[in-house]
Amino acid sequence: MKINANKGVTLLDGKTPLKQNDVDLTIGVAIATALVNSDGEPIKTYELAKKFNDGGTIEVDTADLKLVKEAVTKYPNYNALVKGQVLVMLEGVK
């Protein structure tokens, strides 16, 4: 399954980029941030987070996809605007 980590996270208008630390937030950076703050197995989450942070098209298997969804869902510093966009995009991954 492939995930486009370069896709931008936007405000509700779907056009205005959402900023994180004065930089446009991407799906990849959002996922990487959630992963490094998760309770998952440290080496696995670190390696996945590096891939997502680097951007591009990320190949994941079913177990990785589940880990990513759980990390994003449980990350307390993202609201529904971020979590919703990431999770909707992940639902479409095939």
Protein backbone atom coordinates (compact mmCIF):
# COMPACT_ATOMS: atom_id res chain seq x y z
CA MET A 1 0.00 0.00 0.00
CA LYS A 2 1.30 3.44 -0.90
CA ILE A 3 0.85 6.71 0.99
CA ASN A 4 1.63 10.14 -0.46
CA ALA A 5 3.46 11.78 2.43
CA ASN A 6 3.76 15.10 0.54
CA LYS A 7 0.03 15.83 0.54
CA GLY A 8 -0.67 19.01 2.48
CA VAL A 9 -2.97 19.35 5.48
CA THR A 10 -5.33 22.30 5.02
CA LEU A 11 -7.80 24.40 6.93
CA LEU A 12 -11.48 23.59 6.52
CA ASP A 13 -11.65 25.50 3.24
CA GLY A 14 -9.49 22.75 1.71
CA LYS A 15 -7.12 25.32 0.20
CA THR A 16 -5.29 27.19 2.94
CA PRO A 17 -2.28 25.21 4.20
CA LEU A 18 -2.22 24.45 7.91
CA LYS A 19 1.05 25.54 9.51
CA GLN A 20 3.11 23.72 12.12
CA ASN A 21 6.09 25.71 13.43
CA ASP A 22 5.59 28.24 10.58
CA VAL A 23 5.94 25.50 7.91
CA ASP A 24 3.14 23.97 5.82
CA LEU A 25 2.08 20.73 7.50
CA THR A 26 2.10 17.63 5.31
CA ILE A 27 0.48 14.26 5.89
CA GLY A 28 3.97 12.80 6.25
CA VAL A 29 5.10 15.24 8.93
CA ALA A 30 1.80 14.80 10.79
CA ILE A 31 2.22 11.01 10.76
CA ALA A 32 5.91 11.23 11.73
CA THR A 33 5.09 13.51 14.66
CA ALA A 34 2.37 11.16 15.90
CA LEU A 35 4.64 8.12 15.51
CA VAL A 36 7.58 9.54 17.48
CA ASN A 37 5.18 10.43 20.28
CA SER A 38 3.45 7.05 20.35
CA ASP A 39 3.82 4.13 22.73
CA GLY A 40 4.75 1.77 19.90
CA GLU A 41 7.93 -0.28 19.64
CA PRO A 42 10.64 2.43 19.56
CA ILE A 43 12.81 1.19 16.69
CA LYS A 44 9.84 0.41 14.43
CA THR A 45 8.09 3.72 15.09
CA TYR A 46 11.35 5.65 14.67
CA GLU A 47 12.13 4.02 11.31
CA LEU A 48 8.60 4.61 10.03
CA ALA A 49 8.65 8.20 11.28
CA LYS A 50 11.90 8.90 9.39
CA LYS A 51 10.35 7.63 6.15
CA PHE A 52 7.23 9.76 6.55
CA ASN A 53 9.20 12.83 7.58
CA ASP A 54 11.34 12.56 4.44
CA GLY A 55 8.21 12.69 2.27
CA GLY A 56 7.49 11.09 -1.07
CA THR A 57 5.51 7.93 -1.62
CA ILE A 58 5.78 5.57 1.33
CA GLU A 59 5.12 1.85 0.95
CA VAL A 60 3.49 0.28 4.02
CA ASP A 61 2.10 -3.13 4.84
CA THR A 62 -1.11 -3.82 6.78
CA ALA A 63 0.67 -3.89 10.16
CA ASP A 64 2.41 -0.55 9.49
CA LEU A 65 -0.86 1.01 8.35
CA LYS A 66 -2.54 -0.13 11.56
CA LEU A 67 0.34 1.29 13.63
CA VAL A 68 0.12 4.64 11.82
CA LYS A 69 -3.66 4.88 12.27
CA GLU A 70 -3.38 4.11 15.99
CA ALA A 71 -0.58 6.65 16.50
CA VAL A 72 -2.50 9.41 14.72
CA THR A 73 -5.75 8.61 16.53
CA LYS A 74 -4.11 8.62 19.96
CA TYR A 75 -1.82 11.64 19.49
CA PRO A 76 -3.26 14.24 21.89
CA ASN A 77 -1.72 17.35 20.31
CA TYR A 78 -3.61 17.08 17.02
CA ASN A 79 -7.25 18.04 16.80
CA ALA A 80 -9.93 16.62 14.52
CA LEU A 81 -8.85 18.93 11.67
CA VAL A 82 -5.48 17.18 11.41
CA LYS A 83 -6.49 13.70 12.55
CA GLY A 84 -9.52 13.70 10.27
CA GLN A 85 -7.59 14.58 7.12
CA VAL A 86 -4.87 12.06 7.83
CA LEU A 87 -7.27 9.25 8.71
CA VAL A 88 -9.56 9.94 5.71
CA MET A 89 -6.52 9.76 3.43
CA LEU A 90 -5.35 6.54 5.10
CA GLU A 91 -8.79 4.96 4.62
CA GLY A 92 -8.32 5.37 0.88
CA VAL A 93 -4.94 3.60 0.85
CA LYS A 94 -4.91 0.42 -1.23
